[in-house]
Each structure stands twice: as C-alpha cells, then as structure tokens.
C-alpha atoms as a PDB file:
ATOM      1  CA  UNK A   1      -0.028   0.020   0.013  1.00  0.00           C
ATOM      2  CA  UNK A   2       1.545   3.244  -0.918  1.00  0.00           C
ATOM      3  CA  UNK A   3       1.188   6.524   1.296  1.00  0.00           C
ATOM      4  CA  UNK A   4       2.116   8.784  -1.367  1.00  0.00           C
ATOM      5  CA  UNK A   5      -1.186  10.562  -0.571  1.00  0.00           C
ATOM      6  CA  UNK A   6      -0.066  11.077   2.994  1.00  0.00           C
ATOM      7  CA  UNK A   7       3.141  12.895   2.232  1.00  0.00           C
ATOM      8  CA  UNK A   8       1.426  15.765  -0.118  1.00  0.00           C
ATOM      9  CA  UNK A   9       1.186  18.840   1.371  1.00  0.00           C
ATOM     10  CA  UNK A  10      -0.021  22.068   0.567  1.00  0.00           C
ATOM     11  CA  UNK A  11       3.550  24.556  -0.085  1.00  0.00           C
ATOM     12  CA  UNK A  12       1.320  27.880   0.720  1.00  0.00           C
ATOM     13  CA  UNK A  13      -0.442  26.190   3.786  1.00  0.00           C
ATOM     14  CA  UNK A  14      -3.089  27.145   2.954  1.00  0.00           C
ATOM     15  CA  UNK A  15      -2.568  30.690   2.209  1.00  0.00           C
ATOM     16  CA  UNK A  16      -2.569  30.866  -1.786  1.00  0.00           C
ATOM     17  CA  UNK A  17      -4.267  34.011  -3.364  1.00  0.00           C
ATOM     18  CA  UNK A  18      -5.120  31.935  -6.246  1.00  0.00           C
ATOM     19  CA  UNK A  19      -8.433  32.029  -7.928  1.00  0.00           C
ATOM     20  CA  UNK A  20     -10.082  30.398 -10.472  1.00  0.00           C
ATOM     21  CA  UNK A  21      -9.217  33.363 -12.854  1.00  0.00           C
ATOM     22  CA  UNK A  22      -5.644  32.845 -12.307  1.00  0.00           C
ATOM     23  CA  UNK A  23      -2.758  33.652  -9.684  1.00  0.00           C
ATOM     24  CA  UNK A  24      -3.079  37.280  -8.317  1.00  0.00           C
ATOM     25  CA  UNK A  25      -6.429  37.948  -9.920  1.00  0.00           C
ATOM     26  CA  UNK A  26      -9.455  38.993  -7.924  1.00  0.00           C
ATOM     27  CA  UNK A  27     -12.933  38.277  -9.723  1.00  0.00           C
ATOM     28  CA  UNK A  28     -14.466  41.401 -10.486  1.00  0.00           C
ATOM     29  CA  UNK A  29     -17.105  42.633  -7.519  1.00  0.00           C
ATOM     30  CA  UNK A  30     -20.563  42.691  -9.543  1.00  0.00           C
ATOM     31  CA  UNK A  31     -22.500  43.147  -6.133  1.00  0.00           C
ATOM     32  CA  UNK A  32     -21.481  46.543  -5.012  1.00  0.00           C
ATOM     33  CA  UNK A  33     -24.377  48.945  -4.950  1.00  0.00           C
ATOM     34  CA  UNK A  34     -23.978  52.768  -4.931  1.00  0.00           C
ATOM     35  CA  UNK A  35     -25.851  53.947  -1.402  1.00  0.00           C
ATOM     36  CA  UNK A  36     -28.411  55.673  -3.670  1.00  0.00           C
ATOM     37  CA  UNK A  37     -29.638  52.605  -5.450  1.00  0.00           C
ATOM     38  CA  UNK A  38     -29.210  50.229  -2.444  1.00  0.00           C
ATOM     39  CA  UNK A  39     -31.881  52.908  -0.447  1.00  0.00           C
ATOM     40  CA  UNK A  40     -34.276  52.402  -3.537  1.00  0.00           C
ATOM     41  CA  UNK A  41     -34.065  49.099  -3.512  1.00  0.00           C
ATOM     42  CA  UNK A  42     -34.780  48.463   0.135  1.00  0.00           C
ATOM     43  CA  UNK A  43     -37.810  51.286   0.319  1.00  0.00           C
ATOM     44  CA  UNK A  44     -39.115  49.127  -2.711  1.00  0.00           C
ATOM     45  CA  UNK A  45     -38.410  45.523  -1.163  1.00  0.00           C
ATOM     46  CA  UNK A  46     -40.044  46.899   2.083  1.00  0.00           C
ATOM     47  CA  UNK A  47     -42.952  48.060  -0.011  1.00  0.00           C
ATOM     48  CA  UNK A  48     -43.648  44.906  -1.471  1.00  0.00           C
ATOM     49  CA  UNK A  49     -42.886  42.990   1.996  1.00  0.00           C
ATOM     50  CA  UNK A  50     -45.583  45.255   3.596  1.00  0.00           C
ATOM     51  CA  UNK A  51     -48.251  43.843   0.855  1.00  0.00           C
ATOM     52  CA  UNK A  52     -48.075  40.434   2.313  1.00  0.00           C
ATOM     53  CA  UNK A  53     -48.569  41.866   5.642  1.00  0.00           C
ATOM     54  CA  UNK A  54     -44.342  41.736   6.336  1.00  0.00           C
ATOM     55  CA  UNK A  55     -44.607  37.782   6.679  1.00  0.00           C
ATOM     56  CA  UNK A  56     -41.374  36.188   7.194  1.00  0.00           C
ATOM     57  CA  UNK A  57     -39.726  33.777   4.858  1.00  0.00           C
ATOM     58  CA  UNK A  58     -39.739  35.761   1.264  1.00  0.00           C
ATOM     59  CA  UNK A  59     -37.331  38.732   2.357  1.00  0.00           C
ATOM     60  CA  UNK A  60     -34.873  37.175  -0.556  1.00  0.00           C
ATOM     61  CA  UNK A  61     -37.553  37.389  -2.762  1.00  0.00           C
ATOM     62  CA  UNK A  62     -38.727  40.649  -1.879  1.00  0.00           C
ATOM     63  CA  UNK A  63     -35.048  42.574  -2.556  1.00  0.00           C
ATOM     64  CA  UNK A  64     -34.671  40.281  -6.174  1.00  0.00           C
ATOM     65  CA  UNK A  65     -38.063  41.293  -7.319  1.00  0.00           C
ATOM     66  CA  UNK A  66     -37.672  45.451  -6.018  1.00  0.00           C
ATOM     67  CA  UNK A  67     -33.758  44.856  -8.028  1.00  0.00           C
ATOM     68  CA  UNK A  68     -35.741  44.080 -11.112  1.00  0.00           C
ATOM     69  CA  UNK A  69     -38.251  46.676 -10.716  1.00  0.00           C
ATOM     70  CA  UNK A  70     -35.972  49.493  -9.985  1.00  0.00           C
ATOM     71  CA  UNK A  71     -33.388  48.251 -13.321  1.00  0.00           C
ATOM     72  CA  UNK A  72     -36.108  47.646 -15.461  1.00  0.00           C
ATOM     73  CA  UNK A  73     -39.504  49.022 -14.597  1.00  0.00           C
ATOM     74  CA  UNK A  74     -42.614  47.988 -13.002  1.00  0.00           C
ATOM     75  CA  UNK A  75     -43.882  45.140 -14.948  1.00  0.00           C
ATOM     76  CA  UNK A  76     -47.142  46.002 -17.354  1.00  0.00           C
ATOM     77  CA  UNK A  77     -49.726  43.452 -17.829  1.00  0.00           C
ATOM     78  CA  UNK A  78     -50.139  43.394 -21.359  1.00  0.00           C
ATOM     79  CA  UNK A  79     -52.896  41.596 -23.065  1.00  0.00           C
ATOM     80  CA  UNK A  80     -52.453  38.747 -25.189  1.00  0.00           C
ATOM     81  CA  UNK A  81     -54.224  40.281 -28.161  1.00  0.00           C
ATOM     82  CA  UNK A  82     -51.455  43.589 -27.824  1.00  0.00           C
ATOM     83  CA  UNK A  83     -48.264  41.639 -27.226  1.00  0.00           C
ATOM     84  CA  UNK A  84     -46.152  44.677 -28.202  1.00  0.00           C
ATOM     85  CA  UNK A  85     -47.881  46.960 -25.632  1.00  0.00           C
ATOM     86  CA  UNK A  86     -48.631  49.392 -28.115  1.00  0.00           C
ATOM     87  CA  UNK A  87     -51.696  51.851 -27.455  1.00  0.00           C
ATOM     88  CA  UNK A  88     -54.441  51.448 -30.098  1.00  0.00           C
ATOM     89  CA  UNK A  89     -55.815  54.569 -31.028  1.00  0.00           C
ATOM     90  CA  UNK A  90     -58.094  56.028 -33.834  1.00  0.00           C
ATOM     91  CA  UNK A  91     -54.809  58.080 -35.286  1.00  0.00           C
ATOM     92  CA  UNK A  92     -52.732  54.986 -35.519  1.00  0.00           C
ATOM     93  CA  UNK A  93     -54.667  52.044 -36.496  1.00  0.00           C
END
C-alpha cells in the first residue's frame, strides 16, 4: 500500500491567493451598489413585503423583485391580443 497521499502537503500552507481566474487575480465584484441604489431597492423591497403584511420567509424574493423593478421598471400586464404593448388609438390604427 502506498502512502504517497499522506505525504502530500500544500506548499502555501493554505494561504494561496489563487482564484479561478488565475493566480493573483481577484474576481470582479458585481454586487457593489451605490448607497442611493441600495436605498431605493430597500425601500421598494419593504413596500413589496408590506403588501403581504411583512410575513417572514420571502425577504430574498422581495429584494430580488425590487432590484428587477428598479432596473427594468414595474411589469405591465399586456393583453395577449396586444403583445407589443402599443396603445391603439383611432389616429394610429
């Protein structure tokens, strides 16, 4: 029986700065929000939670929905017969 695996050690002592993007590289931090954006998302998430009487357990869902709404706007209910959302008037029919 070989004991080669028992003799393997980490030469860095577990203190390597290697990352999946390469040694010495640090991944970009996409989660950084400006204080103003964070405040707007938090306020919208609270509004969403308030609609369900602040029942616990859906905080992350509220936050992610608030982020989506802040970034892309509140979703509209577009009728199936008008998928483009264009407003039809006598002038543009």
